[in-house]
Amino acid sequence: MKTFSLSILTILLSAFTESETLGQDYKNFEPPEGKSLLYVYRPSVAGAVIPMPVICDERMIGSTRGKTFIYAYIAPGKHTITAEAERPATLEIETEAGKTYYIRQKVKMGIAMARTDLELVDEAEGRNKLNKCCKTPKRWTPKEE
């Protein structure tokens, strides 16, 4: 049992250690002309190893895990952001070109799986929490088109 627990701990620590170096360059992006920048971050370690796909307008933009974030450049306008879990969470937002938006993903335990909730937060809170997270490693995100 000790060996099994130690193996799990080693896997978790290696995943978070690898992701530490992947986030710094991605936290200070500016959206390209005519686009909005969307960050979805998961600041808690609750359910850390459980990936939760995040979808914008029926297109997957990545998966989050505990203490990680994903980002996407999106067209200005109305969007539906969905996080998949035991019960999907949905957030409707309207974006403007040249602006950055921060969505906090909360995770709590459900009956069979983890549950999630999405909340649009202001820039000050978003930047503060984002700086405590790491970019989701490439192997956890879908291929870019």
C-alpha atoms as a PDB file:
ATOM      1  CA  MET A   1       0.000   0.000   0.000  1.00  0.00           C
ATOM      2  CA  LYS A   2       2.867   2.382   0.824  1.00  0.00           C
ATOM      3  CA  THR A   3       4.413   1.752  -2.602  1.00  0.00           C
ATOM      4  CA  PHE A   4       1.104   2.470  -4.348  1.00  0.00           C
ATOM      5  CA  SER A   5       0.594   5.718  -2.395  1.00  0.00           C
ATOM      6  CA  LEU A   6       4.171   6.787  -3.076  1.00  0.00           C
ATOM      7  CA  SER A   7       3.731   6.073  -6.807  1.00  0.00           C
ATOM      8  CA  ILE A   8       0.582   8.195  -6.984  1.00  0.00           C
ATOM      9  CA  LEU A   9       2.287  11.028  -5.109  1.00  0.00           C
ATOM     10  CA  THR A  10       5.281  10.887  -7.465  1.00  0.00           C
ATOM     11  CA  ILE A  11       3.026  11.070 -10.532  1.00  0.00           C
ATOM     12  CA  LEU A  12       1.136  14.064  -9.122  1.00  0.00           C
ATOM     13  CA  LEU A  13       4.282  15.934  -8.176  1.00  0.00           C
ATOM     14  CA  SER A  14       5.915  15.344 -11.555  1.00  0.00           C
ATOM     15  CA  ALA A  15       2.824  16.663 -13.359  1.00  0.00           C
ATOM     16  CA  PHE A  16       2.809  19.870 -11.318  1.00  0.00           C
ATOM     17  CA  THR A  17       6.583  20.319 -11.503  1.00  0.00           C
ATOM     18  CA  GLU A  18       6.539  20.044 -15.296  1.00  0.00           C
ATOM     19  CA  SER A  19       3.701  22.521 -15.587  1.00  0.00           C
ATOM     20  CA  GLU A  20       5.525  25.145 -13.469  1.00  0.00           C
ATOM     21  CA  THR A  21       7.738  26.104 -16.411  1.00  0.00           C
ATOM     22  CA  LEU A  22       4.921  26.204 -18.938  1.00  0.00           C
ATOM     23  CA  GLY A  23       2.840  29.069 -17.593  1.00  0.00           C
ATOM     24  CA  GLN A  24       4.884  32.236 -17.286  1.00  0.00           C
ATOM     25  CA  ASP A  25       4.936  33.268 -20.946  1.00  0.00           C
ATOM     26  CA  TYR A  26       1.203  32.747 -21.301  1.00  0.00           C
ATOM     27  CA  LYS A  27      -0.025  35.025 -18.522  1.00  0.00           C
ATOM     28  CA  ASN A  28       0.623  38.405 -20.119  1.00  0.00           C
ATOM     29  CA  PHE A  29      -0.803  38.004 -23.591  1.00  0.00           C
ATOM     30  CA  GLU A  30      -2.607  40.775 -25.366  1.00  0.00           C
ATOM     31  CA  PRO A  31      -5.384  39.778 -27.728  1.00  0.00           C
ATOM     32  CA  PRO A  32      -4.557  40.188 -31.418  1.00  0.00           C
ATOM     33  CA  GLU A  33      -6.350  42.919 -33.318  1.00  0.00           C
ATOM     34  CA  GLY A  34     -10.037  42.142 -33.697  1.00  0.00           C
ATOM     35  CA  LYS A  35     -10.027  39.353 -31.066  1.00  0.00           C
ATOM     36  CA  SER A  36     -10.737  38.874 -27.365  1.00  0.00           C
ATOM     37  CA  LEU A  37      -8.539  36.860 -25.007  1.00  0.00           C
ATOM     38  CA  LEU A  38     -10.217  34.360 -22.703  1.00  0.00           C
ATOM     39  CA  TYR A  39      -8.516  32.709 -19.726  1.00  0.00           C
ATOM     40  CA  VAL A  40     -10.188  29.874 -17.818  1.00  0.00           C
ATOM     41  CA  TYR A  41      -8.354  29.046 -14.616  1.00  0.00           C
ATOM     42  CA  ARG A  42      -8.878  26.445 -11.910  1.00  0.00           C
ATOM     43  CA  PRO A  43      -7.196  27.812  -8.770  1.00  0.00           C
ATOM     44  CA  SER A  44      -8.002  24.943  -6.404  1.00  0.00           C
ATOM     45  CA  VAL A  45      -6.286  21.593  -6.025  1.00  0.00           C
ATOM     46  CA  ALA A  46      -9.663  19.931  -5.410  1.00  0.00           C
ATOM     47  CA  GLY A  47      -9.945  17.113  -7.925  1.00  0.00           C
ATOM     48  CA  ALA A  48      -6.497  18.072  -9.230  1.00  0.00           C
ATOM     49  CA  VAL A  49      -5.950  15.019 -11.404  1.00  0.00           C
ATOM     50  CA  ILE A  50      -9.422  15.094 -12.954  1.00  0.00           C
ATOM     51  CA  PRO A  51      -9.330  16.827 -16.351  1.00  0.00           C
ATOM     52  CA  MET A  52     -12.354  18.979 -17.150  1.00  0.00           C
ATOM     53  CA  PRO A  53     -12.856  19.871 -20.811  1.00  0.00           C
ATOM     54  CA  VAL A  54     -13.772  23.499 -21.499  1.00  0.00           C
ATOM     55  CA  ILE A  55     -15.807  24.315 -24.588  1.00  0.00           C
ATOM     56  CA  CYS A  56     -16.480  27.680 -26.216  1.00  0.00           C
ATOM     57  CA  ASP A  57     -19.445  27.678 -28.595  1.00  0.00           C
ATOM     58  CA  GLU A  58     -19.292  23.896 -29.081  1.00  0.00           C
ATOM     59  CA  ARG A  59     -15.526  23.929 -29.792  1.00  0.00           C
ATOM     60  CA  MET A  60     -13.164  22.460 -27.215  1.00  0.00           C
ATOM     61  CA  ILE A  61     -10.451  24.903 -26.192  1.00  0.00           C
ATOM     62  CA  GLY A  62      -8.686  22.652 -23.673  1.00  0.00           C
ATOM     63  CA  SER A  63      -8.953  20.845 -20.358  1.00  0.00           C
ATOM     64  CA  THR A  64      -8.138  22.153 -16.919  1.00  0.00           C
ATOM     65  CA  ARG A  65      -6.739  20.331 -13.911  1.00  0.00           C
ATOM     66  CA  GLY A  66      -6.092  21.642 -10.411  1.00  0.00           C
ATOM     67  CA  LYS A  67      -4.014  24.863 -10.287  1.00  0.00           C
ATOM     68  CA  THR A  68      -3.898  25.187 -14.098  1.00  0.00           C
ATOM     69  CA  PHE A  69      -5.309  27.482 -16.772  1.00  0.00           C
ATOM     70  CA  ILE A  70      -6.088  27.464 -20.466  1.00  0.00           C
ATOM     71  CA  TYR A  71      -6.548  30.365 -22.852  1.00  0.00           C
ATOM     72  CA  ALA A  72      -8.104  31.065 -26.230  1.00  0.00           C
ATOM     73  CA  TYR A  73      -8.395  33.934 -28.685  1.00  0.00           C
ATOM     74  CA  ILE A  74     -12.044  34.368 -29.601  1.00  0.00           C
ATOM     75  CA  ALA A  75     -14.077  36.657 -31.848  1.00  0.00           C
ATOM     76  CA  PRO A  76     -15.881  39.504 -30.104  1.00  0.00           C
ATOM     77  CA  GLY A  77     -19.550  38.869 -29.375  1.00  0.00           C
ATOM     78  CA  LYS A  78     -21.752  36.513 -27.386  1.00  0.00           C
ATOM     79  CA  HIS A  79     -20.283  33.166 -26.362  1.00  0.00           C
ATOM     80  CA  THR A  80     -21.331  30.117 -24.398  1.00  0.00           C
ATOM     81  CA  ILE A  81     -18.572  28.648 -22.241  1.00  0.00           C
ATOM     82  CA  THR A  82     -19.183  25.115 -20.942  1.00  0.00           C
ATOM     83  CA  ALA A  83     -17.105  23.035 -18.529  1.00  0.00           C
ATOM     84  CA  GLU A  84     -17.760  19.299 -18.623  1.00  0.00           C
ATOM     85  CA  ALA A  85     -18.128  17.429 -15.343  1.00  0.00           C
ATOM     86  CA  GLU A  86     -20.748  15.309 -13.585  1.00  0.00           C
ATOM     87  CA  ARG A  87     -23.156  18.121 -14.404  1.00  0.00           C
ATOM     88  CA  PRO A  88     -21.914  20.572 -17.068  1.00  0.00           C
ATOM     89  CA  ALA A  89     -21.565  24.222 -16.034  1.00  0.00           C
ATOM     90  CA  THR A  90     -22.419  26.924 -18.557  1.00  0.00           C
ATOM     91  CA  LEU A  91     -21.629  30.632 -18.611  1.00  0.00           C
ATOM     92  CA  GLU A  92     -22.871  33.146 -21.180  1.00  0.00           C
ATOM     93  CA  ILE A  93     -20.492  36.048 -21.842  1.00  0.00           C
ATOM     94  CA  GLU A  94     -20.255  38.906 -24.302  1.00  0.00           C
ATOM     95  CA  THR A  95     -16.755  39.977 -25.273  1.00  0.00           C
ATOM     96  CA  GLU A  96     -15.260  43.020 -26.961  1.00  0.00           C
ATOM     97  CA  ALA A  97     -12.247  43.134 -29.271  1.00  0.00           C
ATOM     98  CA  GLY A  98      -8.998  44.020 -27.539  1.00  0.00           C
ATOM     99  CA  LYS A  99     -10.166  42.975 -24.068  1.00  0.00           C
ATOM    100  CA  THR A 100      -9.141  40.093 -21.816  1.00  0.00           C
ATOM    101  CA  TYR A 101     -11.647  38.022 -19.837  1.00  0.00           C
ATOM    102  CA  TYR A 102     -11.031  35.772 -16.835  1.00  0.00           C
ATOM    103  CA  ILE A 103     -13.261  32.866 -15.856  1.00  0.00           C
ATOM    104  CA  ARG A 104     -12.732  31.065 -12.564  1.00  0.00           C
ATOM    105  CA  GLN A 105     -13.619  27.383 -12.588  1.00  0.00           C
ATOM    106  CA  LYS A 106     -14.693  26.099  -9.185  1.00  0.00           C
ATOM    107  CA  VAL A 107     -14.627  22.370  -8.446  1.00  0.00           C
ATOM    108  CA  LYS A 108     -16.385  20.425  -5.722  1.00  0.00           C
ATOM    109  CA  MET A 109     -17.107  16.767  -5.160  1.00  0.00           C
ATOM    110  CA  GLY A 110     -20.284  15.366  -6.657  1.00  0.00           C
ATOM    111  CA  ILE A 111     -21.999  12.028  -6.247  1.00  0.00           C
ATOM    112  CA  ALA A 112     -20.113  10.046  -8.898  1.00  0.00           C
ATOM    113  CA  MET A 113     -17.611  12.634 -10.184  1.00  0.00           C
ATOM    114  CA  ALA A 114     -16.431  16.142  -9.512  1.00  0.00           C
ATOM    115  CA  ARG A 115     -18.816  19.033 -10.177  1.00  0.00           C
ATOM    116  CA  THR A 116     -17.852  22.390 -11.583  1.00  0.00           C
ATOM    117  CA  ASP A 117     -19.063  25.968 -11.775  1.00  0.00           C
ATOM    118  CA  LEU A 118     -17.873  28.913 -13.901  1.00  0.00           C
ATOM    119  CA  GLU A 119     -17.704  32.539 -12.824  1.00  0.00           C
ATOM    120  CA  LEU A 120     -16.589  35.616 -14.765  1.00  0.00           C
ATOM    121  CA  VAL A 121     -14.271  37.677 -12.537  1.00  0.00           C
ATOM    122  CA  ASP A 122     -12.727  41.134 -12.863  1.00  0.00           C
ATOM    123  CA  GLU A 123      -9.219  41.670 -14.212  1.00  0.00           C
ATOM    124  CA  ALA A 124      -7.570  42.308 -10.821  1.00  0.00           C
ATOM    125  CA  GLU A 125      -8.850  39.055  -9.322  1.00  0.00           C
ATOM    126  CA  GLY A 126      -8.282  37.128 -12.541  1.00  0.00           C
ATOM    127  CA  ARG A 127      -4.641  38.211 -12.882  1.00  0.00           C
ATOM    128  CA  ASN A 128      -3.975  37.559  -9.205  1.00  0.00           C
ATOM    129  CA  LYS A 129      -5.335  33.993  -9.308  1.00  0.00           C
ATOM    130  CA  LEU A 130      -3.901  33.272 -12.762  1.00  0.00           C
ATOM    131  CA  ASN A 131      -0.408  34.051 -11.445  1.00  0.00           C
ATOM    132  CA  LYS A 132      -0.828  31.216  -8.941  1.00  0.00           C
ATOM    133  CA  CYS A 133      -1.697  28.703 -11.662  1.00  0.00           C
ATOM    134  CA  CYS A 134       0.289  27.003 -14.416  1.00  0.00           C
ATOM    135  CA  LYS A 135      -0.630  26.595 -18.056  1.00  0.00           C
ATOM    136  CA  THR A 136      -2.103  23.189 -18.750  1.00  0.00           C
ATOM    137  CA  PRO A 137       0.717  21.124 -20.264  1.00  0.00           C
ATOM    138  CA  LYS A 138       0.458  20.526 -23.999  1.00  0.00           C
ATOM    139  CA  ARG A 139      -0.222  16.835 -23.569  1.00  0.00           C
ATOM    140  CA  TRP A 140      -3.491  17.687 -21.793  1.00  0.00           C
ATOM    141  CA  THR A 141      -4.822  20.080 -24.412  1.00  0.00           C
ATOM    142  CA  PRO A 142      -6.315  19.182 -27.786  1.00  0.00           C
ATOM    143  CA  LYS A 143      -4.394  19.687 -31.005  1.00  0.00           C
ATOM    144  CA  GLU A 144      -4.607  23.224 -32.309  1.00  0.00           C
ATOM    145  CA  GLU A 145      -6.118  23.687 -35.746  1.00  0.00           C
END
